[in-house]
Amino acid sequence: MRPLLLLVSSIALFAQPSADVTEALSSSRQRIDSIDDQIVRLLNERAQVVRQVGVIKKQFHLPASAPGREEQVLRRVAGQAQAPLAPSAVEAIYKTILHEMSAMEASEMEKGSQPR
């Protein structure tokens, strides 16, 4: 009897969600999609500003990487975390953002210095 109960429970866990569940989640998922759209728009806006910073750094012969600035950004954004999002989670997310933005900036700066 116990193996049969386990089998039925397992099947129930992996079954497709009911229409009620899908309907109940629909509004929240639409909000998440809208927020994701805003996040991507803001990331693109941030990337444009990072590109401008790269142009300035190139003019003054500065490296793309600025570890002091990165630490400053990480401290500032982690300090803005609010429950349920922990400061460490915001910091981890921003480490990825900063890594990708720095890589883009370095690549853009390198492209601009190659002979045409």
Protein backbone atom coordinates (compact mmCIF):
# COMPACT_ATOMS: atom_id res chain seq x y z
CA MET A 1 0.00 0.00 0.00
CA ARG A 2 2.81 2.42 0.86
CA PRO A 3 4.53 2.10 -2.58
CA LEU A 4 1.19 2.73 -4.28
CA LEU A 5 0.65 5.87 -2.19
CA LEU A 6 4.13 7.07 -3.08
CA LEU A 7 3.48 6.45 -6.77
CA VAL A 8 0.18 8.35 -6.73
CA SER A 9 1.79 11.24 -4.83
CA SER A 10 4.64 11.39 -7.34
CA ILE A 11 2.27 11.45 -10.28
CA ALA A 12 0.28 14.26 -8.68
CA LEU A 13 3.44 16.32 -8.17
CA PHE A 14 4.44 16.09 -11.82
CA ALA A 15 0.95 16.48 -13.31
CA GLN A 16 0.11 19.56 -15.35
CA PRO A 17 -1.24 22.45 -13.29
CA SER A 18 -5.00 22.76 -13.28
CA ALA A 19 -6.78 25.58 -15.05
CA ASP A 20 -7.52 27.12 -11.65
CA VAL A 21 -3.82 27.29 -10.77
CA THR A 22 -2.92 28.70 -14.18
CA GLU A 23 -5.64 31.32 -13.87
CA ALA A 24 -4.59 32.20 -10.33
CA LEU A 25 -0.97 32.67 -11.46
CA SER A 26 -1.79 34.55 -14.65
CA SER A 27 -2.02 38.04 -13.17
CA SER A 28 1.19 37.65 -11.17
CA ARG A 29 3.03 36.27 -14.17
CA GLN A 30 1.87 39.22 -16.28
CA ARG A 31 3.21 41.60 -13.62
CA ILE A 32 6.52 39.73 -13.56
CA ASP A 33 6.75 39.96 -17.36
CA SER A 34 6.08 43.70 -17.19
CA ILE A 35 8.74 44.17 -14.50
CA ASP A 36 11.20 42.09 -16.54
CA ASP A 37 10.55 44.38 -19.52
CA GLN A 38 11.37 47.39 -17.34
CA ILE A 39 14.54 45.75 -16.01
CA VAL A 40 15.79 45.00 -19.53
CA ARG A 41 14.99 48.56 -20.65
CA LEU A 42 16.95 49.92 -17.70
CA LEU A 43 19.86 47.54 -18.33
CA ASN A 44 20.02 48.79 -21.91
CA GLU A 45 19.94 52.39 -20.65
CA ARG A 46 22.73 51.56 -18.17
CA ALA A 47 24.78 49.99 -20.96
CA GLN A 48 24.50 53.18 -23.03
CA VAL A 49 25.85 55.21 -20.11
CA VAL A 50 28.63 52.65 -19.54
CA ARG A 51 29.53 53.03 -23.21
CA GLN A 52 29.79 56.82 -22.71
CA VAL A 53 31.99 56.26 -19.65
CA GLY A 54 34.23 54.03 -21.80
CA VAL A 55 34.66 56.83 -24.33
CA ILE A 56 35.71 59.21 -21.55
CA LYS A 57 38.09 56.65 -20.03
CA LYS A 58 39.64 56.06 -23.45
CA GLN A 59 40.18 59.80 -23.95
CA PHE A 60 42.04 59.95 -20.64
CA HIS A 61 43.86 56.63 -21.17
CA LEU A 62 42.19 54.95 -18.20
CA PRO A 63 41.50 51.20 -17.89
CA ALA A 64 37.96 49.89 -18.26
CA SER A 65 38.05 48.23 -14.85
CA ALA A 66 37.49 50.37 -11.75
CA PRO A 67 37.43 48.02 -8.72
CA GLY A 68 36.97 50.88 -6.23
CA ARG A 69 33.90 52.10 -8.10
CA GLU A 70 32.54 48.56 -8.37
CA GLU A 71 32.80 48.09 -4.59
CA GLN A 72 31.09 51.45 -4.08
CA VAL A 73 28.20 50.39 -6.34
CA LEU A 74 27.89 47.01 -4.60
CA ARG A 75 27.72 48.60 -1.14
CA ARG A 76 25.20 51.20 -2.29
CA VAL A 77 22.79 48.77 -3.99
CA ALA A 78 23.06 46.12 -1.26
CA GLY A 79 22.08 48.83 1.20
CA GLN A 80 18.85 49.39 -0.73
CA ALA A 81 17.68 45.78 -0.42
CA GLN A 82 14.32 45.25 1.22
CA ALA A 83 12.71 42.03 2.42
CA PRO A 84 12.20 39.53 1.01
CA LEU A 85 15.32 40.35 -1.02
CA ALA A 86 18.47 40.05 1.07
CA PRO A 87 21.41 42.44 0.63
CA SER A 88 23.59 39.46 -0.33
CA ALA A 89 21.14 38.58 -3.14
CA VAL A 90 21.22 42.13 -4.51
CA GLU A 91 25.00 42.09 -4.30
CA ALA A 92 25.18 38.78 -6.19
CA ILE A 93 22.86 40.08 -8.90
CA TYR A 94 24.86 43.28 -9.24
CA LYS A 95 28.17 41.43 -9.39
CA THR A 96 26.86 39.77 -12.54
CA ILE A 97 25.58 43.07 -13.94
CA LEU A 98 28.89 44.81 -13.23
CA HIS A 99 30.88 41.92 -14.72
CA GLU A 100 28.86 42.01 -17.95
CA MET A 101 28.93 45.80 -18.18
CA SER A 102 32.69 45.90 -17.58
CA ALA A 103 33.25 43.23 -20.24
CA MET A 104 31.12 45.22 -22.69
CA GLU A 105 32.97 48.43 -21.84
CA ALA A 106 36.39 46.80 -22.28
CA SER A 107 35.31 45.30 -25.60
CA GLU A 108 33.98 48.65 -26.83
CA MET A 109 37.18 50.40 -25.75
CA GLU A 110 39.29 47.76 -27.50
CA LYS A 111 37.28 48.05 -30.72
CA GLY A 112 37.83 51.77 -30.75
CA SER A 113 41.60 51.39 -30.42
CA GLN A 114 42.09 48.97 -33.31
CA PRO A 115 43.29 50.44 -36.61
CA ARG A 116 40.62 50.71 -39.28
